[in-house]
């Protein structure tokens, strides 16, 4: 009889645990401590390719983006070499371009989209950003805006000094008011 009671108690415990954990899902908001003692929430979303977008994601949505490697063929005239971040000797810049949409339902000002560049060892190299003007939600609802963020070859006194190998970005950071 005592063995049956143990199985009954074990069965009830397993049932309670499974019911308790059945509602758990991953959240897209992390609570962080503010130096002023306030609790803040970091909002983020993940694009279909796994890229993280954080910041004012409730105001601006990145619909798509691409990365290409380009070389300069004439002064300020560039030609695509490859898709993605490809380190090639004659490469002169990486260009990230994409499309965004105002989803705030109101006019947005001071929009900034920033990326951080990393090498294949996940070491931070640099950051870049694009600033967009005033974004009215527009009529019709489908109105979108393009953005472009460039990582250039460094030049000193007109001489190309180096072009770092960028492997990936750390994601997008959006700010808007």
Protein backbone atom coordinates (compact mmCIF):
# COMPACT_ATOMS: atom_id res chain seq x y z
CA UNK A 1 0.00 0.00 0.00
CA UNK A 2 2.85 2.39 0.85
CA UNK A 3 4.38 1.86 -2.63
CA UNK A 4 1.08 2.88 -4.29
CA UNK A 5 0.99 6.07 -2.20
CA UNK A 6 4.54 6.92 -3.29
CA UNK A 7 3.60 6.42 -6.95
CA UNK A 8 0.51 8.56 -6.45
CA UNK A 9 2.52 11.35 -4.83
CA UNK A 10 5.20 11.08 -7.55
CA UNK A 11 2.50 11.18 -10.26
CA UNK A 12 0.88 14.27 -8.72
CA UNK A 13 4.29 16.01 -8.44
CA UNK A 14 5.07 15.29 -12.12
CA UNK A 15 1.62 16.53 -13.13
CA UNK A 16 2.00 19.77 -11.14
CA UNK A 17 5.48 20.40 -12.58
CA UNK A 18 4.33 19.81 -16.15
CA UNK A 19 1.34 22.11 -15.72
CA UNK A 20 3.53 24.75 -14.07
CA UNK A 21 6.10 24.76 -16.87
CA UNK A 22 3.69 24.39 -19.79
CA UNK A 23 3.14 28.16 -20.09
CA UNK A 24 6.84 29.11 -20.19
CA UNK A 25 7.97 30.82 -23.37
CA UNK A 26 10.96 32.92 -24.36
CA UNK A 27 10.38 36.61 -23.92
CA UNK A 28 11.77 39.44 -25.99
CA UNK A 29 12.21 41.79 -23.05
CA UNK A 30 14.99 41.58 -20.52
CA UNK A 31 14.87 43.49 -17.26
CA UNK A 32 18.00 45.49 -16.55
CA UNK A 33 19.04 47.56 -13.56
CA UNK A 34 19.43 51.25 -14.27
CA UNK A 35 22.24 53.06 -12.40
CA UNK A 36 19.56 55.36 -10.96
CA UNK A 37 17.81 52.41 -9.35
CA UNK A 38 15.05 52.19 -11.95
CA UNK A 39 14.13 48.95 -13.61
CA UNK A 40 14.26 49.21 -17.40
CA UNK A 41 13.36 46.80 -20.12
CA UNK A 42 15.50 46.08 -23.15
CA UNK A 43 13.20 45.48 -26.10
CA UNK A 44 14.43 43.39 -28.99
CA UNK A 45 13.27 41.22 -31.82
CA UNK A 46 15.01 38.70 -34.05
CA UNK A 47 14.90 38.94 -37.85
CA UNK A 48 14.31 35.73 -39.87
CA UNK A 49 18.08 35.37 -40.49
CA UNK A 50 18.79 35.50 -36.74
CA UNK A 51 19.95 39.13 -36.60
CA UNK A 52 18.97 40.91 -33.40
CA UNK A 53 17.22 44.30 -33.56
CA UNK A 54 16.99 46.27 -30.31
CA UNK A 55 15.89 49.70 -29.19
CA UNK A 56 12.70 51.36 -30.35
CA UNK A 57 11.31 48.28 -32.11
CA UNK A 58 7.77 49.35 -31.26
CA UNK A 59 8.28 52.45 -33.43
CA UNK A 60 10.38 51.27 -36.37
CA UNK A 61 10.58 47.88 -38.05
CA UNK A 62 13.44 46.65 -40.23
CA UNK A 63 11.74 44.79 -43.07
CA UNK A 64 14.90 43.53 -44.79
CA UNK A 65 18.59 44.20 -45.28
CA UNK A 66 21.53 43.02 -47.36
CA UNK A 67 25.30 43.28 -47.13
CA UNK A 68 27.63 43.61 -50.12
CA UNK A 69 31.36 44.10 -50.54
CA UNK A 70 32.36 46.75 -53.08
CA UNK A 71 35.50 48.17 -54.69
CA UNK A 72 36.07 51.72 -55.82
CA UNK A 73 36.46 51.83 -59.63
CA UNK A 74 36.57 55.63 -59.94
CA UNK A 75 36.43 58.40 -57.40
CA UNK A 76 33.17 57.77 -55.47
CA UNK A 77 32.02 55.19 -58.00
CA UNK A 78 31.75 51.68 -56.56
CA UNK A 79 31.23 48.24 -58.05
CA UNK A 80 29.88 45.18 -56.28
CA UNK A 81 32.44 42.43 -55.71
CA UNK A 82 30.43 39.97 -53.64
CA UNK A 83 27.40 39.44 -51.44
CA UNK A 84 28.07 39.58 -47.72
CA UNK A 85 31.26 40.49 -45.88
CA UNK A 86 34.09 39.24 -48.10
CA UNK A 87 37.67 40.26 -47.42
CA UNK A 88 39.34 40.77 -50.80
CA UNK A 89 42.48 42.81 -51.41
CA UNK A 90 40.84 45.32 -53.77
CA UNK A 91 37.71 45.75 -51.62
CA UNK A 92 37.14 49.28 -50.39
CA UNK A 93 33.89 49.14 -48.46
CA UNK A 94 31.08 47.04 -47.07
CA UNK A 95 27.58 48.38 -47.64
CA UNK A 96 24.56 47.43 -45.55
CA UNK A 97 21.32 48.59 -47.11
CA UNK A 98 17.75 47.81 -46.24
CA UNK A 99 14.17 48.89 -45.84
CA UNK A 100 12.38 50.07 -42.72
CA UNK A 101 8.83 51.02 -41.83
CA UNK A 102 7.31 53.40 -39.29
CA UNK A 103 4.98 51.25 -37.16
CA UNK A 104 4.44 53.80 -34.37
CA UNK A 105 1.27 55.24 -35.86
CA UNK A 106 2.67 58.76 -35.48
CA UNK A 107 5.39 60.91 -37.02
CA UNK A 108 8.89 59.90 -35.93
CA UNK A 109 11.85 62.28 -35.63
CA UNK A 110 15.58 61.76 -35.14
CA UNK A 111 15.67 58.18 -36.40
CA UNK A 112 19.02 56.45 -36.14
CA UNK A 113 19.89 52.90 -37.18
CA UNK A 114 23.26 51.70 -35.88
CA UNK A 115 25.29 48.52 -36.39
CA UNK A 116 28.46 47.27 -34.75
CA UNK A 117 31.02 45.38 -36.84
CA UNK A 118 32.84 42.29 -35.52
CA UNK A 119 35.58 40.03 -36.83
CA UNK A 120 35.43 36.22 -36.91
CA UNK A 121 36.71 36.08 -33.30
CA UNK A 122 33.73 38.24 -32.25
CA UNK A 123 36.06 41.16 -31.51
CA UNK A 124 34.46 44.60 -31.89
CA UNK A 125 35.96 46.58 -34.78
CA UNK A 126 33.80 49.65 -35.30
CA UNK A 127 30.25 50.92 -35.60
CA UNK A 128 28.31 52.80 -38.24
CA UNK A 129 24.90 54.37 -38.53
CA UNK A 130 22.41 56.03 -40.81
CA UNK A 131 20.17 58.88 -39.71
CA UNK A 132 16.78 59.21 -41.34
CA UNK A 133 14.70 62.40 -41.34
CA UNK A 134 11.12 62.70 -40.25
CA UNK A 135 9.16 59.52 -40.94
CA UNK A 136 5.43 60.05 -41.26
CA UNK A 137 3.45 56.81 -41.05
CA UNK A 138 2.19 57.83 -44.48
CA UNK A 139 -0.83 56.99 -46.51
CA UNK A 140 -1.07 54.19 -47.53
CA UNK A 141 0.15 52.03 -44.64
CA UNK A 142 2.71 50.34 -46.86
CA UNK A 143 5.04 53.36 -47.13
CA UNK A 144 8.67 52.39 -46.38
CA UNK A 145 12.09 54.08 -46.20
CA UNK A 146 15.52 52.88 -47.24
CA UNK A 147 18.63 53.05 -45.09
CA UNK A 148 22.30 52.57 -45.91
CA UNK A 149 25.28 52.07 -43.59
CA UNK A 150 28.78 52.06 -45.05
CA UNK A 151 32.03 50.65 -43.63
CA UNK A 152 34.87 52.31 -45.60
CA UNK A 153 38.47 51.44 -46.14
CA UNK A 154 40.52 53.70 -43.89
CA UNK A 155 42.67 56.25 -45.67
CA UNK A 156 45.38 58.47 -44.26
CA UNK A 157 46.66 61.35 -46.40
CA UNK A 158 44.97 59.79 -49.44
CA UNK A 159 46.74 56.44 -48.99
CA UNK A 160 44.77 53.29 -48.27
CA UNK A 161 46.20 52.02 -45.01
CA UNK A 162 44.07 49.00 -44.10
CA UNK A 163 40.71 47.36 -44.55
CA UNK A 164 39.70 45.22 -41.61
CA UNK A 165 38.08 41.87 -42.12
CA UNK A 166 34.48 42.16 -40.95
CA UNK A 167 32.79 38.83 -40.36
CA UNK A 168 29.38 39.91 -39.03
CA UNK A 169 27.37 42.62 -37.37
CA UNK A 170 26.21 42.48 -33.77
CA UNK A 171 22.70 43.42 -34.83
CA UNK A 172 20.81 46.67 -35.32
CA UNK A 173 20.11 49.31 -32.68
CA UNK A 174 17.17 51.61 -33.49
CA UNK A 175 16.42 54.92 -31.82
CA UNK A 176 13.57 57.28 -32.67
CA UNK A 177 11.58 60.02 -30.99
